[in-house]
Protein backbone atom coordinates (compact mmCIF):
# COMPACT_ATOMS: atom_id res chain seq x y z
CA MET A 1 0.16 15.12 21.77
CA PRO A 2 1.54 16.46 24.92
CA ARG A 3 4.45 18.51 24.65
CA PRO A 4 7.85 16.39 25.10
CA VAL A 5 9.78 17.12 28.37
CA ARG A 6 12.01 20.27 27.94
CA ARG A 7 14.40 21.43 30.41
CA ALA A 8 15.19 25.13 30.72
CA LEU A 9 18.28 26.80 31.65
CA ALA A 10 18.98 30.26 32.91
CA VAL A 11 21.54 32.88 33.40
CA THR A 12 20.53 35.30 35.42
CA SER A 13 22.22 39.00 36.19
CA ALA A 14 24.44 36.88 38.43
CA LEU A 15 26.81 37.89 35.19
CA LEU A 16 27.57 40.90 36.83
CA ALA A 17 29.20 39.08 39.01
CA LEU A 18 31.66 37.77 36.25
CA GLY A 19 32.57 41.37 35.12
CA VAL A 20 29.70 41.62 32.82
CA VAL A 21 28.51 45.72 33.47
CA GLY A 22 27.81 48.91 31.54
CA ILE A 23 25.04 47.99 29.60
CA VAL A 24 25.96 49.94 26.22
CA GLY A 25 23.16 51.81 24.02
CA VAL A 26 19.77 50.14 25.60
CA GLY A 27 16.97 52.54 26.77
CA PRO A 28 14.40 52.31 29.12
CA ALA A 29 13.12 48.77 29.99
CA ALA A 30 9.64 48.06 28.52
CA ALA A 31 8.31 44.87 29.89
CA GLU A 32 8.06 41.81 27.35
CA GLU A 33 5.89 38.99 27.68
CA PRO A 34 6.57 35.62 26.23
CA VAL A 35 6.04 35.73 22.71
CA ASP A 36 5.03 33.45 19.81
CA VAL A 37 8.05 33.66 17.66
CA ASN A 38 7.47 33.91 13.77
CA GLY A 39 10.94 33.25 12.73
CA GLN A 40 14.40 32.29 13.54
CA ILE A 41 15.01 35.75 14.97
CA THR A 42 12.94 37.74 16.74
CA ASP A 43 14.59 41.39 17.46
CA ARG A 44 11.97 43.12 19.60
CA ALA A 45 15.15 45.23 21.40
CA ASP A 46 16.80 46.44 18.29
CA ALA A 47 19.70 44.56 19.26
CA LEU A 48 21.50 42.93 16.21
CA GLY A 49 21.06 46.20 13.26
CA ASP A 50 23.22 45.19 10.59
CA ASP A 51 24.49 42.08 12.07
CA ARG A 52 21.17 40.20 11.49
CA ALA A 53 22.04 38.67 8.27
CA GLU A 54 25.14 37.32 10.24
CA VAL A 55 23.08 36.05 13.01
CA GLN A 56 20.50 34.17 10.31
CA ALA A 57 23.60 32.41 8.56
CA ALA A 58 24.87 31.02 11.87
CA LEU A 59 21.61 29.50 12.31
CA ASP A 60 21.23 28.23 8.96
CA ARG A 61 24.42 26.87 9.42
CA TYR A 62 23.54 25.08 12.41
CA TYR A 63 20.69 23.49 10.97
CA ARG A 64 22.26 22.27 7.77
CA ASP A 65 25.43 20.71 10.34
CA THR A 66 23.07 19.26 12.95
CA GLY A 67 19.50 18.97 11.22
CA ARG A 68 18.26 21.00 14.66
CA GLN A 69 16.92 24.60 14.54
CA LEU A 70 18.12 27.07 16.80
CA PHE A 71 15.33 30.29 17.34
CA VAL A 72 17.03 33.25 19.08
CA VAL A 73 14.74 36.16 20.53
CA TYR A 74 15.77 39.77 22.07
CA VAL A 75 14.05 41.80 23.94
CA ARG A 76 14.74 44.57 26.78
CA THR A 77 13.30 42.50 29.90
CA PHE A 78 11.75 39.06 30.45
CA ASP A 79 8.77 40.87 32.50
CA GLY A 80 9.76 39.96 36.09
CA LEU A 81 10.48 35.88 35.22
CA THR A 82 13.47 34.75 35.03
CA GLY A 83 15.32 33.44 31.65
CA ALA A 84 14.19 29.99 32.06
CA GLU A 85 10.44 30.62 32.60
CA TRP A 86 10.63 33.58 29.93
CA ALA A 87 12.21 30.84 27.29
CA THR A 88 9.96 27.83 28.39
CA ARG A 89 6.97 29.89 28.08
CA ALA A 90 7.92 31.48 24.61
CA ALA A 91 8.85 28.15 23.05
CA GLU A 92 5.11 26.67 24.40
CA ARG A 93 3.35 29.57 23.02
CA SER A 94 5.45 28.96 19.56
CA GLY A 95 5.04 25.24 19.28
CA LEU A 96 8.72 24.48 18.90
CA GLY A 97 9.41 21.12 17.99
CA ARG A 98 11.49 18.42 20.22
CA THR A 99 14.56 18.79 18.71
CA ASP A 100 14.31 22.86 18.55
CA VAL A 101 16.34 25.13 20.97
CA LEU A 102 15.34 28.40 21.90
CA LEU A 103 17.59 31.06 23.55
CA ALA A 104 16.27 34.41 24.91
CA VAL A 105 18.25 37.29 26.04
CA ALA A 106 17.12 40.20 27.98
CA LEU A 107 19.54 43.34 27.40
CA GLU A 108 18.46 45.28 30.14
CA SER A 109 19.52 42.57 32.74
CA ARG A 110 21.77 40.62 30.69
CA SER A 111 19.94 37.73 31.51
CA TYR A 112 19.41 34.99 28.83
CA GLY A 113 17.79 31.43 29.24
CA TYR A 114 17.51 28.04 27.27
CA ASP A 115 14.41 25.80 26.37
CA ALA A 116 15.60 23.27 24.83
CA ASP A 117 14.63 19.20 25.04
CA SER A 118 16.17 17.32 27.95
CA ASP A 119 16.95 13.90 25.89
CA GLU A 120 18.74 16.18 22.95
CA LEU A 121 21.31 18.66 25.05
CA SER A 122 22.39 18.25 28.70
CA ASP A 123 22.99 20.53 31.35
CA ALA A 124 26.79 20.28 30.93
CA ASP A 125 26.17 20.64 27.01
CA LEU A 126 24.35 23.95 27.74
CA GLU A 127 26.97 24.96 30.42
CA LYS A 128 29.30 24.24 28.22
CA VAL A 129 28.41 26.81 25.71
CA ASP A 130 27.26 29.56 27.87
CA ARG A 131 31.07 29.60 29.30
CA GLU A 132 32.97 29.18 25.97
CA TYR A 133 30.88 30.93 23.72
CA ILE A 134 28.00 33.04 25.06
CA LEU A 135 29.35 34.88 27.86
CA PRO A 136 32.75 35.61 26.36
CA ALA A 137 30.33 37.78 23.74
CA LEU A 138 27.92 39.30 26.24
CA ARG A 139 31.20 40.63 27.95
CA GLN A 140 31.89 42.66 24.62
CA ASP A 141 28.17 43.92 24.46
CA ASP A 142 28.27 41.58 21.31
CA TRP A 143 24.45 40.84 21.19
CA ALA A 144 25.17 39.25 17.69
CA GLY A 145 28.04 37.20 18.82
CA ALA A 146 26.14 35.55 21.62
CA ALA A 147 23.96 34.31 18.69
CA THR A 148 26.37 33.02 16.54
CA GLY A 149 28.55 31.48 19.54
CA ALA A 150 25.55 29.53 20.54
CA ALA A 151 24.99 28.29 16.86
CA ARG A 152 28.89 27.02 17.15
CA GLY A 153 28.75 26.10 20.70
CA LEU A 154 25.61 23.88 20.12
CA THR A 155 27.34 22.40 16.84
CA GLU A 156 30.14 21.51 18.94
CA VAL A 157 28.72 19.30 21.84
CA ASP A 158 26.25 18.12 19.10
CA ARG A 159 29.24 16.86 16.77
CA ASP A 160 30.69 15.26 20.69
CA THR A 161 27.87 13.00 20.78
CA GLY A 162 29.22 11.02 17.84
CA ILE A 163 25.84 11.18 15.85
CA PRO A 164 26.11 12.08 12.14
CA TRP A 165 23.09 14.51 12.21
CA GLY A 166 23.52 15.73 8.71
CA TRP A 167 23.76 11.77 7.43
CA ILE A 168 20.51 11.28 9.18
CA VAL A 169 18.62 13.92 8.06
CA GLY A 170 19.27 13.02 4.73
CA GLY A 171 19.24 8.95 5.16
CA THR A 172 15.88 8.97 7.00
CA ALA A 173 14.07 11.71 4.63
CA VAL A 174 11.60 8.80 3.23
CA VAL A 175 10.55 8.16 6.52
CA ALA A 176 10.08 12.01 7.52
CA ALA A 177 8.15 12.23 4.00
CA GLY A 178 6.00 9.15 5.09
CA ALA A 179 4.64 10.77 8.31
CA ALA A 180 4.79 14.44 7.06
CA TYR A 181 1.18 15.36 7.34
CA GLY A 182 0.84 13.28 10.73
CA VAL A 183 3.10 16.12 11.96
CA HIS A 184 2.33 18.86 9.84
CA ARG A 185 -0.50 20.54 11.28
CA SER A 186 1.04 20.36 15.00
CA ARG A 187 4.20 21.73 14.13
CA ARG A 188 2.43 24.52 11.84
CA ARG A 189 4.25 27.39 11.48
CA PHE A 190 7.86 25.43 11.83
CA ASP A 191 7.36 22.79 9.43
CA HIS A 192 8.27 24.48 6.48
CA THR A 193 11.68 25.42 8.03
CA HIS A 194 12.34 21.73 8.55
CA PRO A 195 12.20 20.62 4.66
CA VAL A 196 12.51 17.16 3.87
CA VAL A 197 16.40 17.49 2.46
CA ASP A 198 18.79 14.87 0.77
CA GLU A 199 22.05 13.77 1.22
CA HIS A 200 23.17 17.41 0.39
CA GLY A 201 21.12 19.13 2.39
CA GLN A 202 18.96 20.29 -0.50
CA PRO A 203 14.90 20.17 -0.17
CA VAL A 204 13.17 17.52 -1.88
CA ASP A 205 9.52 17.12 -3.01
CA PRO A 206 8.19 14.32 -0.81
CA ALA A 207 5.98 13.27 -3.77
CA ALA A 208 9.30 12.11 -5.46
CA ILE A 209 10.46 10.07 -2.93
CA LEU A 210 7.23 8.12 -1.92
CA ASP A 211 6.25 4.68 -3.09
CA ASP A 212 3.06 4.36 -4.73
CA ASP A 213 1.19 3.16 -1.79
CA GLU A 214 2.93 6.05 0.34
CA LEU A 215 1.96 8.42 -1.69
CA GLU A 216 -1.58 7.47 -2.07
CA ALA A 217 -1.78 7.21 1.76
CA ALA A 218 -0.24 10.89 2.12
CA VAL A 219 -2.87 12.32 -0.47
CA ALA A 220 -5.99 10.62 1.80
CA GLU A 221 -4.25 12.26 5.19
CA ALA A 222 -3.62 15.53 3.40
CA LEU A 223 -6.89 15.86 2.10
CA VAL A 224 -8.81 15.22 5.14
CA VAL A 225 -6.07 17.55 7.13
CA VAL A 226 -6.36 20.26 4.81
CA ASP A 227 -10.41 20.23 4.81
CA ASP A 228 -10.18 20.24 8.53
CA ALA A 229 -7.77 23.41 8.63
CA LEU A 230 -10.47 25.57 6.24
CA GLN A 231 -13.16 24.53 8.75
CA SER A 232 -10.87 26.06 11.27
CA ALA A 233 -9.94 28.82 9.36
CA ASP A 234 -13.17 30.05 8.21
CA GLN A 235 -14.39 30.04 12.17
CA GLU A 236 -10.86 32.57 12.82
CA VAL A 237 -11.92 34.51 9.46
CA GLY A 238 -15.12 35.05 11.91
CA PHE A 239 -13.30 36.08 14.80
CA ALA A 240 -10.85 38.14 12.88
CA GLU A 241 -13.60 40.29 11.42
CA ALA A 242 -15.50 40.60 14.85
CA GLN A 243 -11.95 41.67 16.04
CA PHE A 244 -10.39 43.75 13.73
CA GLY A 245 -13.15 44.34 11.22
CA ASP A 246 -13.86 43.02 7.76
CA ALA A 247 -11.13 44.66 5.73
CA ALA A 248 -8.74 43.59 7.97
CA ALA A 249 -9.75 40.08 7.52
CA ALA A 250 -10.38 40.57 3.82
CA ASP A 251 -7.17 38.74 2.71
CA PHE A 252 -7.73 35.79 5.07
CA ARG A 253 -11.48 35.35 3.73
CA ARG A 254 -10.01 35.35 0.10
CA THR A 255 -7.38 32.70 1.17
CA VAL A 256 -9.70 30.62 2.74
CA GLU A 257 -12.51 31.20 -0.38
CA GLU A 258 -9.41 30.14 -2.74
CA GLY A 259 -8.51 27.14 -0.70
CA ARG A 260 -11.86 25.72 -0.84
CA ALA A 261 -11.88 25.83 -4.96
CA THR A 262 -8.00 24.25 -4.59
CA LEU A 263 -8.70 21.65 -2.49
CA ARG A 264 -12.32 20.46 -4.61
CA GLU A 265 -9.44 19.92 -7.43
CA ALA A 266 -7.10 18.17 -5.66
CA PHE A 267 -10.43 15.87 -4.43
CA THR A 268 -11.21 15.46 -8.11
CA LEU A 269 -7.63 14.49 -8.81
CA ARG A 270 -7.77 12.08 -6.83
CA GLN A 271 -11.37 10.82 -7.48
CA ARG A 272 -10.01 10.30 -11.15
CA LEU A 273 -8.22 7.56 -9.89
CA ASP A 274 -11.77 5.57 -9.30
CA ASP A 275 -13.46 6.17 -12.24
CA ALA A 276 -14.02 3.57 -15.11
CA GLU A 277 -10.57 4.29 -16.97
CA PRO A 278 -8.02 2.96 -15.52
CA GLU A 279 -4.63 5.02 -15.48
CA THR A 280 -1.14 3.66 -15.73
CA ASP A 281 1.08 3.91 -12.83
CA ALA A 282 2.98 6.76 -13.83
CA GLU A 283 -0.31 8.85 -14.61
CA ARG A 284 -1.55 7.85 -11.20
CA ARG A 285 1.93 9.14 -9.70
CA VAL A 286 1.08 12.59 -11.74
CA LEU A 287 -2.37 12.59 -10.52
CA LEU A 288 -1.52 12.19 -6.87
CA SER A 289 1.47 14.40 -6.65
CA ARG A 290 -0.53 17.15 -8.10
CA ALA A 291 -3.18 16.50 -5.34
CA LEU A 292 -0.44 16.68 -2.63
CA HIS A 293 0.98 19.91 -4.14
CA LEU A 294 -2.20 21.32 -3.96
CA CYS A 295 -3.06 20.22 -0.62
CA ASP A 296 0.27 21.92 0.37
CA THR A 297 -0.08 24.84 -1.26
CA VAL A 298 -3.53 25.33 0.81
CA ASP A 299 -1.95 24.71 3.82
CA ASP A 300 0.94 27.23 3.28
CA ALA A 301 -1.24 30.13 2.47
CA LEU A 302 -3.37 29.52 5.35
CA ASP A 303 -0.38 29.11 7.68
CA ALA A 304 0.61 32.59 6.12
CA GLN A 305 -2.85 33.99 6.90
CA VAL A 306 -2.61 32.73 10.92
CA GLU A 307 1.03 34.13 11.12
CA ARG A 308 0.27 37.34 10.04
CA LEU A 309 -3.36 37.30 12.30
CA ASP A 310 -0.99 36.30 14.90
CA ALA A 311 1.28 39.03 14.54
CA LEU A 312 -2.03 41.59 14.26
CA ARG A 313 -3.02 40.16 17.70
CA ASP A 314 0.49 40.73 19.32
CA LEU A 315 0.62 44.25 17.66
CA GLN A 316 -2.80 44.81 19.78
CA THR A 317 -1.05 43.97 23.20
CA ARG A 318 1.96 46.22 22.39
CA ALA A 319 0.24 49.15 20.67
CA PRO A 320 1.57 52.07 22.66
CA GLU A 321 5.00 51.37 22.70
CA VAL A 322 4.90 50.38 18.90
CA ALA A 323 3.46 53.75 18.00
CA GLU A 324 6.10 55.62 19.98
CA THR A 325 8.84 53.26 18.34
CA LEU A 326 7.25 53.51 14.84
CA GLN A 327 7.46 57.58 15.13
CA GLN A 328 11.07 57.45 15.67
CA ARG A 329 11.33 55.17 12.90
CA LEU A 330 9.14 57.08 10.53
CA ASP A 331 10.92 60.38 11.43
CA ALA A 332 14.16 58.75 10.42
CA VAL A 333 12.52 57.91 7.16
CA VAL A 334 11.31 61.31 6.55
CA ALA A 335 15.21 62.74 7.31
CA ARG A 336 16.53 60.59 4.53
CA LEU A 337 13.79 62.07 1.90
CA ALA A 338 16.09 65.24 1.47
CA PRO A 339 19.23 63.89 0.98
CA THR A 340 18.15 60.85 -1.18
CA ALA A 341 16.88 63.00 -3.63
CA GLU A 342 20.03 65.06 -3.85
CA THR A 343 22.00 62.18 -4.26
CA LEU A 344 19.39 60.74 -7.17
CA ARG A 345 19.39 64.07 -8.64
CA THR A 346 23.52 63.69 -8.54
CA LEU A 347 23.38 60.23 -9.91
CA GLN A 348 21.04 61.27 -13.13
CA SER A 349 23.49 64.50 -13.85
CA GLU A 350 26.20 62.00 -13.97
CA HIS A 351 25.37 58.82 -15.88
CA ALA A 352 22.97 57.59 -18.58
CA GLY A 353 18.78 57.45 -17.70
CA SER A 354 19.06 53.82 -18.40
CA ALA A 355 21.21 52.91 -15.43
CA LEU A 356 19.06 54.65 -12.99
CA ALA A 357 15.66 53.49 -14.61
CA ALA A 358 14.49 51.22 -12.00
CA VAL A 359 14.78 53.47 -9.37
CA SER A 360 13.99 57.19 -10.74
CA SER A 361 10.79 57.59 -9.54
CA ASN A 362 11.94 55.84 -5.79
CA VAL A 363 11.93 59.25 -3.61
CA THR A 364 8.68 60.34 -5.03
CA ARG A 365 7.21 57.00 -3.96
CA ALA A 366 9.05 57.15 -0.72
CA GLU A 367 7.48 60.31 0.22
CA SER A 368 4.03 59.30 -0.71
CA LEU A 369 4.51 56.03 1.52
CA THR A 370 5.78 58.47 4.41
CA ARG A 371 2.25 60.75 4.29
CA SER A 372 0.31 57.38 4.14
CA ALA A 373 2.30 56.18 6.86
CA THR A 374 1.76 59.45 9.00
CA GLU A 375 -1.78 59.69 8.53
CA GLN A 376 -1.86 55.81 9.70
CA LEU A 377 -0.13 56.67 12.77
CA SER A 378 -2.00 59.78 13.32
CA GLN A 379 -5.60 57.51 13.07
CA ALA A 380 -3.59 54.94 15.40
CA ARG A 381 -2.89 57.41 18.04
CA ALA A 382 -6.58 58.75 17.70
CA ALA A 383 -8.06 55.08 18.39
CA LEU A 384 -5.52 54.50 21.53
CA GLY A 385 -6.74 57.57 22.71
CA GLY A 386 -10.30 55.94 22.61
CA SER A 387 -9.11 52.78 24.20
CA ASP A 388 -9.32 50.94 20.81
CA HIS A 389 -6.59 49.17 20.57
CA ALA A 390 -7.90 46.47 17.65
CA THR A 391 -8.10 49.46 15.34
CA ALA A 392 -4.79 51.22 16.37
CA ALA A 393 -3.21 47.72 15.70
CA VAL A 394 -4.29 47.58 12.08
CA ARG A 395 -3.63 51.23 11.51
CA LEU A 396 -0.02 50.33 12.63
CA ARG A 397 0.06 47.58 10.95
CA THR A 398 -0.57 49.61 7.55
CA ALA A 399 1.90 52.32 8.98
CA GLU A 400 4.63 49.89 9.73
CA GLU A 401 4.23 48.06 6.09
CA ALA A 402 4.22 51.86 4.42
CA THR A 403 7.18 52.75 6.50
CA GLY A 404 9.18 49.58 5.69
CA GLN A 405 8.47 49.86 1.98
CA ALA A 406 10.07 53.58 2.10
CA VAL A 407 12.82 52.24 3.50
CA ALA A 408 13.20 49.89 0.92
CA LEU A 409 12.80 52.02 -2.05
CA LEU A 410 15.50 54.72 -0.15
CA ASP A 411 17.99 51.52 0.36
CA ALA A 412 17.63 51.12 -3.50
CA VAL A 413 18.81 54.75 -4.36
CA ASP A 414 22.05 54.16 -2.27
CA THR A 415 22.43 50.82 -3.63
CA ALA A 416 22.43 51.95 -7.09
CA ARG A 417 25.23 54.91 -6.05
CA ASP A 418 27.40 52.01 -4.76
CA ASP A 419 26.70 49.91 -7.82
CA LEU A 420 27.68 53.06 -10.11
CA ALA A 421 30.66 54.26 -7.73
């Protein structure tokens, strides 16, 4: 299916003429190619910090109020592109849907751009959002405010159209569910953030709202789609093994093998409906619902592995930059070890052991993880020295995961301190 005609709107460094000057807290520019976004927030410039949850809440409200998704991306620069060009390429790489909007912000140049469907939002709508919601935030170096303002402004212009999106999303749930698998694979990576919802905005099991014929048709389609997906995934695993090695692709191969077994179970359930023993209508629905659930489980698992592999490939292209950033992050975590250990000792002297049982070994575990991350980072640097970016990417991902786990462990001690205060 061809991509719908979309329109991009850019606001470039002409913002300086509006008094937006003085970039605060932004380091040297690092070129950022348009990315394949893996979630509603992609922060390559460390723009949000503690404000990330606030932005996510605003994006969630926008979806609940309008039935649309807003994706925001922060980078250092647009790599020589205009904001409009960068946003459009990122949206195309990400396979965004017709009603989705992508807002990209480049901190170094104070540029930003949209990618949106021209049939859904007019230039006048977007310019209103720029003038009243985004620019005021950027003048205050409020990167999070630019995103939350965009969400509020887009909600306002959507309401001005007089179309009750919240009611439509709930009222057309049956139609959406009936077509679910027709859209599913073409919107992989984003379909699960667009769940079928009821009139209260709560997710609904599609099998529960389909009539008997629709449910049977959905199962038949799902079996074919997931079988095709498994065949494609098997080829993708082979490519991943050749690129990154068997170990890096082991989880993906295991997922494919488990997916085949699960799909066989779904086929068996469907075939039971054609055997010599007839089922009641209620029994048929149970079998079909279970088969559809199994297909969706396989599909979700494959999507997760594809996203993980895409992220690894993206990491490969940015390996030198990631290595430098990760070293700084790892150094910061190591610097937290001693103070957090002292905090834990103080808590243990003041409170019963049971109150701290969940975090008693956190510092020790964090120390082990930082040692592992340091070793993996060292191996990544060695691989980069030999121009082996694929191996470097695998090592960097392992180091990133270990560092993230160490941060979570130390944060848990701080949380326990605050809870016991």
